[in-house]
N, C-alpha and C. Protein backbone atom coordinates (compact mmCIF):
# COMPACT_ATOMS: atom_id res chain seq x y z
N UNK A 1 -50.19 -23.78 153.53
CA UNK A 1 -51.51 -23.34 154.04
C UNK A 1 -51.79 -22.45 152.83
N UNK A 2 -52.93 -22.56 152.41
CA UNK A 2 -53.32 -21.30 151.50
C UNK A 2 -54.67 -20.44 152.00
N UNK A 3 -54.39 -19.22 152.54
CA UNK A 3 -55.30 -18.39 153.18
C UNK A 3 -55.71 -17.09 152.08
N UNK A 4 -55.17 -17.40 151.02
CA UNK A 4 -55.59 -16.27 150.11
C UNK A 4 -56.92 -16.17 149.89
N UNK A 5 -57.76 -17.08 149.79
CA UNK A 5 -59.24 -16.68 149.39
C UNK A 5 -59.79 -16.03 150.86
N UNK A 6 -59.54 -16.17 151.83
CA UNK A 6 -59.91 -15.51 153.04
C UNK A 6 -59.35 -14.03 152.94
N UNK A 7 -58.17 -13.71 153.00
CA UNK A 7 -57.46 -12.21 152.86
C UNK A 7 -58.12 -11.71 151.43
N UNK A 8 -58.23 -12.59 150.37
CA UNK A 8 -59.07 -11.61 149.06
C UNK A 8 -60.57 -11.20 149.15
N UNK A 9 -61.08 -12.07 150.20
CA UNK A 9 -62.49 -11.48 150.67
C UNK A 9 -62.67 -10.03 151.33
N UNK A 10 -61.61 -9.75 151.27
CA UNK A 10 -61.58 -8.23 151.89
C UNK A 10 -61.96 -7.25 150.82
N UNK A 11 -61.65 -7.75 149.85
CA UNK A 11 -61.93 -6.90 148.49
C UNK A 11 -63.33 -6.45 148.32
N UNK A 12 -64.11 -7.45 148.38
CA UNK A 12 -65.71 -7.68 148.03
C UNK A 12 -66.16 -6.56 149.53
N UNK A 13 -65.47 -6.92 150.68
CA UNK A 13 -66.33 -6.54 151.85
C UNK A 13 -66.07 -5.11 152.10
N UNK A 14 -64.89 -4.66 151.34
CA UNK A 14 -64.57 -3.05 152.17
C UNK A 14 -64.32 -2.22 150.63
N UNK A 15 -64.62 -3.07 149.47
CA UNK A 15 -64.34 -2.45 147.98
C UNK A 15 -63.21 -1.71 147.65
N UNK A 16 -61.96 -2.29 148.26
CA UNK A 16 -60.85 -2.18 148.29
C UNK A 16 -59.99 -3.16 147.70
N UNK A 17 -59.05 -2.74 146.29
CA UNK A 17 -58.50 -3.94 145.75
C UNK A 17 -57.52 -4.51 146.53
N UNK A 18 -57.41 -6.02 146.46
CA UNK A 18 -56.48 -6.85 147.55
C UNK A 18 -55.25 -7.39 146.36
N UNK A 19 -54.09 -7.65 146.81
CA UNK A 19 -53.33 -8.34 145.91
C UNK A 19 -52.17 -8.85 146.72
N UNK A 20 -51.66 -10.06 146.29
CA UNK A 20 -50.51 -10.44 147.23
C UNK A 20 -49.09 -10.06 146.98
N UNK A 21 -48.51 -9.37 147.81
CA UNK A 21 -47.03 -8.78 147.85
C UNK A 21 -46.83 -7.52 147.09
N UNK A 22 -47.59 -7.24 146.01
CA UNK A 22 -47.55 -6.21 145.32
C UNK A 22 -48.80 -5.69 144.31
N UNK A 23 -49.32 -4.52 144.63
CA UNK A 23 -50.22 -3.94 143.91
C UNK A 23 -49.78 -3.16 142.93
N UNK A 24 -50.30 -3.24 141.51
CA UNK A 24 -50.09 -2.50 140.27
C UNK A 24 -51.06 -1.91 139.51
N UNK A 25 -52.26 -1.56 140.55
CA UNK A 25 -53.26 -0.98 140.04
C UNK A 25 -53.18 0.48 140.18
N UNK A 26 -54.51 0.97 139.83
CA UNK A 26 -54.64 2.72 139.91
C UNK A 26 -55.36 3.28 141.08
N UNK A 27 -55.80 2.52 142.02
CA UNK A 27 -56.75 2.61 143.11
C UNK A 27 -55.63 3.43 144.21
N UNK A 28 -56.02 4.49 144.76
CA UNK A 28 -55.28 5.27 145.94
C UNK A 28 -55.44 4.59 146.99
N UNK A 29 -56.31 3.48 147.27
CA UNK A 29 -56.40 2.80 148.69
C UNK A 29 -56.59 1.32 147.84
N UNK A 30 -55.96 0.52 148.95
CA UNK A 30 -55.46 -0.98 148.58
C UNK A 30 -54.96 -1.59 149.31
N UNK A 31 -55.10 -2.97 149.50
CA UNK A 31 -54.64 -3.98 150.57
C UNK A 31 -53.58 -4.76 149.77
N UNK A 32 -52.51 -4.78 150.54
CA UNK A 32 -51.35 -6.13 149.96
C UNK A 32 -51.13 -6.85 151.43
N UNK A 33 -50.87 -8.19 150.76
CA UNK A 33 -50.51 -9.25 151.98
C UNK A 33 -49.35 -10.06 151.59
N UNK A 34 -48.75 -10.56 152.49
CA UNK A 34 -47.58 -11.26 152.39
C UNK A 34 -47.19 -12.28 153.40
N UNK A 35 -46.85 -13.25 152.87
CA UNK A 35 -46.76 -14.50 153.75
C UNK A 35 -45.38 -14.44 154.49
N UNK A 36 -45.25 -14.46 155.53
CA UNK A 36 -43.97 -14.17 156.23
C UNK A 36 -43.13 -15.65 156.67
N UNK A 37 -44.30 -16.46 157.30
CA UNK A 37 -43.77 -17.75 157.75
C UNK A 37 -44.96 -19.02 157.98
N UNK A 38 -44.31 -19.91 157.82
CA UNK A 38 -45.48 -21.25 157.98
C UNK A 38 -45.12 -21.93 158.77
N UNK A 39 -45.39 -22.65 159.73
CA UNK A 39 -44.75 -23.61 160.70
C UNK A 39 -45.60 -24.85 161.21
N UNK A 40 -45.34 -25.95 161.39
CA UNK A 40 -46.15 -26.95 162.07
C UNK A 40 -46.20 -26.47 163.38
N UNK A 41 -47.21 -26.67 164.19
CA UNK A 41 -47.46 -26.40 165.72
C UNK A 41 -48.07 -27.45 166.31
N UNK A 42 -48.88 -28.16 165.94
CA UNK A 42 -49.35 -29.41 166.75
C UNK A 42 -49.42 -30.75 165.84
N UNK A 43 -48.56 -31.86 166.68
CA UNK A 43 -48.34 -33.05 166.09
C UNK A 43 -49.20 -34.15 166.94
N UNK A 44 -49.02 -35.36 166.23
CA UNK A 44 -49.62 -36.62 166.75
C UNK A 44 -49.50 -37.73 165.79
N UNK A 45 -48.77 -38.79 166.31
CA UNK A 45 -49.16 -40.14 165.59
C UNK A 45 -47.54 -39.68 164.57
N UNK A 46 -46.61 -38.98 165.03
CA UNK A 46 -45.50 -38.89 164.33
C UNK A 46 -45.67 -37.81 163.04
N UNK A 47 -46.84 -37.08 162.87
CA UNK A 47 -47.07 -36.09 161.66
C UNK A 47 -47.75 -35.07 162.18
N UNK A 48 -47.46 -33.94 161.46
CA UNK A 48 -48.31 -32.67 161.69
C UNK A 48 -49.85 -32.52 161.56
N UNK A 49 -50.50 -32.24 162.48
CA UNK A 49 -52.00 -31.96 162.60
C UNK A 49 -52.37 -30.71 162.15
N UNK A 50 -51.59 -29.72 162.62
CA UNK A 50 -52.13 -28.48 162.63
C UNK A 50 -50.68 -27.54 162.24
N UNK A 51 -51.12 -26.57 161.15
CA UNK A 51 -50.20 -25.65 160.89
C UNK A 51 -50.35 -24.19 161.26
N UNK A 52 -49.53 -23.41 161.28
CA UNK A 52 -50.04 -22.06 161.73
C UNK A 52 -48.95 -20.92 160.84
N UNK A 53 -49.71 -20.19 159.81
CA UNK A 53 -49.36 -19.38 158.60
C UNK A 53 -49.36 -17.61 159.46
N UNK A 54 -48.34 -17.25 159.26
CA UNK A 54 -47.96 -15.80 159.83
C UNK A 54 -47.75 -14.98 158.55
N UNK A 55 -48.70 -13.91 158.56
CA UNK A 55 -48.69 -12.84 157.47
C UNK A 55 -48.76 -11.45 157.82
N UNK A 56 -48.37 -10.48 156.87
CA UNK A 56 -48.46 -9.09 157.00
C UNK A 56 -49.66 -8.73 156.35
N UNK A 57 -50.47 -8.09 156.53
CA UNK A 57 -51.48 -7.32 155.72
C UNK A 57 -51.56 -5.93 155.80
N UNK A 58 -51.25 -5.07 154.63
CA UNK A 58 -51.15 -3.73 154.73
C UNK A 58 -52.27 -2.84 154.11
N UNK A 59 -52.92 -2.16 154.91
CA UNK A 59 -53.88 -1.21 153.81
C UNK A 59 -53.02 0.01 153.70
N UNK A 60 -52.83 0.51 152.47
CA UNK A 60 -52.15 1.70 151.92
C UNK A 60 -53.39 2.69 151.48
N UNK A 61 -53.37 3.67 151.81
CA UNK A 61 -54.04 4.88 152.05
C UNK A 61 -53.48 6.20 151.48
N UNK A 62 -54.10 7.22 150.80
CA UNK A 62 -53.33 8.45 150.83
C UNK A 62 -53.14 9.19 152.59
N UNK A 63 -52.21 9.88 152.35
CA UNK A 63 -51.55 10.60 153.71
C UNK A 63 -53.07 11.18 154.51
N UNK A 64 -53.90 11.88 153.55
CA UNK A 64 -54.80 12.64 154.40
C UNK A 64 -56.16 11.85 154.52
N UNK A 65 -56.30 10.51 154.03
CA UNK A 65 -57.42 9.70 154.09
C UNK A 65 -57.70 9.39 155.88
N UNK A 66 -58.70 9.62 156.39
CA UNK A 66 -59.09 9.33 157.77
C UNK A 66 -59.68 7.75 158.04
N UNK A 67 -58.33 7.09 158.14
CA UNK A 67 -58.28 5.64 158.13
C UNK A 67 -58.97 4.82 159.44
N UNK A 68 -58.95 5.67 160.49
CA UNK A 68 -59.45 4.99 161.65
C UNK A 68 -60.50 4.04 161.41
N UNK A 69 -61.73 4.22 161.11
CA UNK A 69 -62.76 3.51 161.16
C UNK A 69 -62.37 2.17 160.31
N UNK A 70 -61.80 2.48 158.97
CA UNK A 70 -61.33 1.23 158.07
C UNK A 70 -60.45 0.38 158.84
N UNK A 71 -59.42 0.93 159.46
CA UNK A 71 -58.56 -0.08 160.05
C UNK A 71 -59.13 -0.73 161.00
N UNK A 72 -60.23 -0.41 162.15
CA UNK A 72 -60.99 -1.31 162.85
C UNK A 72 -61.79 -2.03 162.26
N UNK A 73 -62.26 -1.94 161.34
CA UNK A 73 -63.34 -2.71 160.44
C UNK A 73 -62.52 -3.74 160.11
N UNK A 74 -61.42 -3.54 159.38
CA UNK A 74 -60.50 -4.61 158.77
C UNK A 74 -60.11 -5.46 159.96
N UNK A 75 -59.72 -4.87 160.96
CA UNK A 75 -59.19 -5.74 162.10
C UNK A 75 -60.40 -7.00 162.65
N UNK A 76 -61.47 -6.25 162.75
CA UNK A 76 -62.56 -6.81 163.20
C UNK A 76 -62.92 -8.03 162.35
N UNK A 77 -62.72 -7.83 160.85
CA UNK A 77 -63.26 -8.72 159.88
C UNK A 77 -62.14 -9.78 159.74
N UNK A 78 -60.77 -9.46 160.04
CA UNK A 78 -60.16 -10.64 160.04
C UNK A 78 -60.20 -11.53 161.16
N UNK A 79 -60.57 -11.08 162.45
CA UNK A 79 -60.97 -11.76 163.50
C UNK A 79 -62.18 -12.69 163.49
N UNK A 80 -63.37 -11.97 162.61
CA UNK A 80 -64.17 -12.85 162.28
C UNK A 80 -63.72 -14.17 161.82
N UNK A 81 -63.08 -13.91 160.72
CA UNK A 81 -62.49 -15.07 159.79
C UNK A 81 -61.34 -16.03 160.77
N UNK A 82 -61.29 -15.68 162.01
CA UNK A 82 -60.64 -16.55 162.82
C UNK A 82 -58.91 -16.05 162.82
N UNK A 83 -58.78 -14.96 162.10
CA UNK A 83 -56.99 -14.88 162.24
C UNK A 83 -57.15 -14.28 163.61
N UNK A 84 -55.83 -14.41 163.97
CA UNK A 84 -55.68 -13.52 165.47
C UNK A 84 -54.58 -12.30 164.93
N UNK A 85 -54.95 -11.28 165.24
CA UNK A 85 -54.40 -9.87 165.15
C UNK A 85 -53.25 -9.64 166.05
N UNK A 86 -51.98 -9.73 165.75
CA UNK A 86 -51.20 -9.51 166.99
C UNK A 86 -50.44 -8.38 167.15
N UNK A 87 -50.81 -7.45 165.91
CA UNK A 87 -49.97 -6.03 166.28
C UNK A 87 -50.56 -5.24 164.95
N UNK A 88 -50.98 -3.93 165.07
CA UNK A 88 -51.20 -3.27 164.02
C UNK A 88 -50.61 -1.93 164.22
N UNK A 89 -49.78 -1.50 163.14
CA UNK A 89 -48.69 -0.15 163.14
C UNK A 89 -49.21 0.56 161.98
N UNK A 90 -49.15 2.01 162.22
CA UNK A 90 -49.51 2.99 161.03
C UNK A 90 -48.42 3.65 160.99
N UNK A 91 -47.68 4.18 159.91
CA UNK A 91 -46.77 4.86 159.65
C UNK A 91 -46.96 5.80 158.19
N UNK A 92 -46.37 6.83 157.95
CA UNK A 92 -46.12 7.56 156.64
C UNK A 92 -44.88 6.96 155.89
N UNK A 93 -45.00 7.08 154.59
CA UNK A 93 -43.83 6.68 153.74
C UNK A 93 -43.94 7.22 152.26
N UNK A 94 -43.15 7.27 151.58
CA UNK A 94 -43.25 7.62 150.09
C UNK A 94 -43.66 6.74 149.44
N UNK A 95 -44.73 7.18 148.43
CA UNK A 95 -45.10 6.11 147.60
C UNK A 95 -43.70 5.76 146.33
N UNK A 96 -44.06 4.75 145.66
CA UNK A 96 -43.20 4.05 145.03
C UNK A 96 -42.39 5.25 144.19
N UNK A 97 -43.21 6.24 143.56
CA UNK A 97 -42.93 7.32 142.74
C UNK A 97 -42.08 8.40 143.51
N UNK A 98 -42.32 8.42 144.88
CA UNK A 98 -41.38 9.29 145.58
C UNK A 98 -42.22 10.48 145.74
N UNK A 99 -43.27 10.73 144.99
CA UNK A 99 -43.68 11.92 144.88
C UNK A 99 -44.79 12.52 146.19
N UNK A 100 -45.36 11.53 146.46
CA UNK A 100 -46.62 11.66 147.30
C UNK A 100 -46.08 10.91 148.58
N UNK A 101 -47.02 11.19 149.60
CA UNK A 101 -46.60 10.46 150.83
C UNK A 101 -48.07 9.53 150.98
N UNK A 102 -47.99 8.23 151.58
CA UNK A 102 -48.91 7.45 151.81
C UNK A 102 -48.84 6.78 153.21
N UNK A 103 -50.00 6.24 153.77
CA UNK A 103 -50.08 6.03 154.94
C UNK A 103 -50.14 4.55 155.14
N UNK A 104 -49.41 3.59 155.94
CA UNK A 104 -49.32 2.26 155.91
C UNK A 104 -49.87 1.85 157.07
N UNK A 105 -51.04 1.10 157.11
CA UNK A 105 -51.55 0.30 158.33
C UNK A 105 -51.16 -1.07 158.16
N UNK A 106 -50.38 -1.49 158.86
CA UNK A 106 -49.86 -2.78 158.82
C UNK A 106 -50.37 -3.68 159.99
N UNK A 107 -50.88 -4.73 159.68
CA UNK A 107 -51.44 -5.61 160.55
C UNK A 107 -50.78 -7.10 160.54
N UNK A 108 -50.21 -7.54 161.60
CA UNK A 108 -49.32 -8.50 161.84
C UNK A 108 -50.61 -9.78 162.09
N UNK A 109 -50.65 -10.83 161.40
CA UNK A 109 -51.92 -11.57 161.86
C UNK A 109 -51.37 -13.14 161.47
N UNK A 110 -51.99 -14.13 162.38
CA UNK A 110 -51.38 -15.32 162.14
C UNK A 110 -52.93 -16.29 161.93
N UNK A 111 -52.75 -17.66 161.37
CA UNK A 111 -54.01 -18.38 161.07
C UNK A 111 -53.65 -19.65 161.46
N UNK A 112 -54.14 -20.71 162.25
CA UNK A 112 -54.00 -22.10 162.53
C UNK A 112 -55.26 -22.67 161.82
N UNK A 113 -54.57 -23.95 161.22
CA UNK A 113 -55.93 -24.90 160.58
C UNK A 113 -55.21 -26.17 160.63
N UNK A 114 -56.26 -27.07 160.71
CA UNK A 114 -55.65 -28.54 160.57
C UNK A 114 -54.96 -28.76 159.42
N UNK A 115 -53.86 -29.40 159.23
CA UNK A 115 -53.18 -30.26 158.15
C UNK A 115 -53.59 -31.09 157.17
């Protein structure tokens, strides 16, 4: 199942770049998403009728950025698009270059659709 267009629509909605798996741009705020799992969940007549895909969506922001409103807006938009948000975690980590701290806001989500 391909939910890329749904996740990538967050870019226009929030004016934050969105990339699958890794972001190579220059913005200090961006979203990356990763497919974690996909599995059939509903069967009939010996075939799969529905699949569920599980993703991790991460909002990356500078340490000092006040992220609370944006976090809730993204959650609400994911739910509006019929994703189920099962978990949201926030934590600090080092940027890839190791010199700056960044905040990762991680959304665990899943989406079920007809096969």
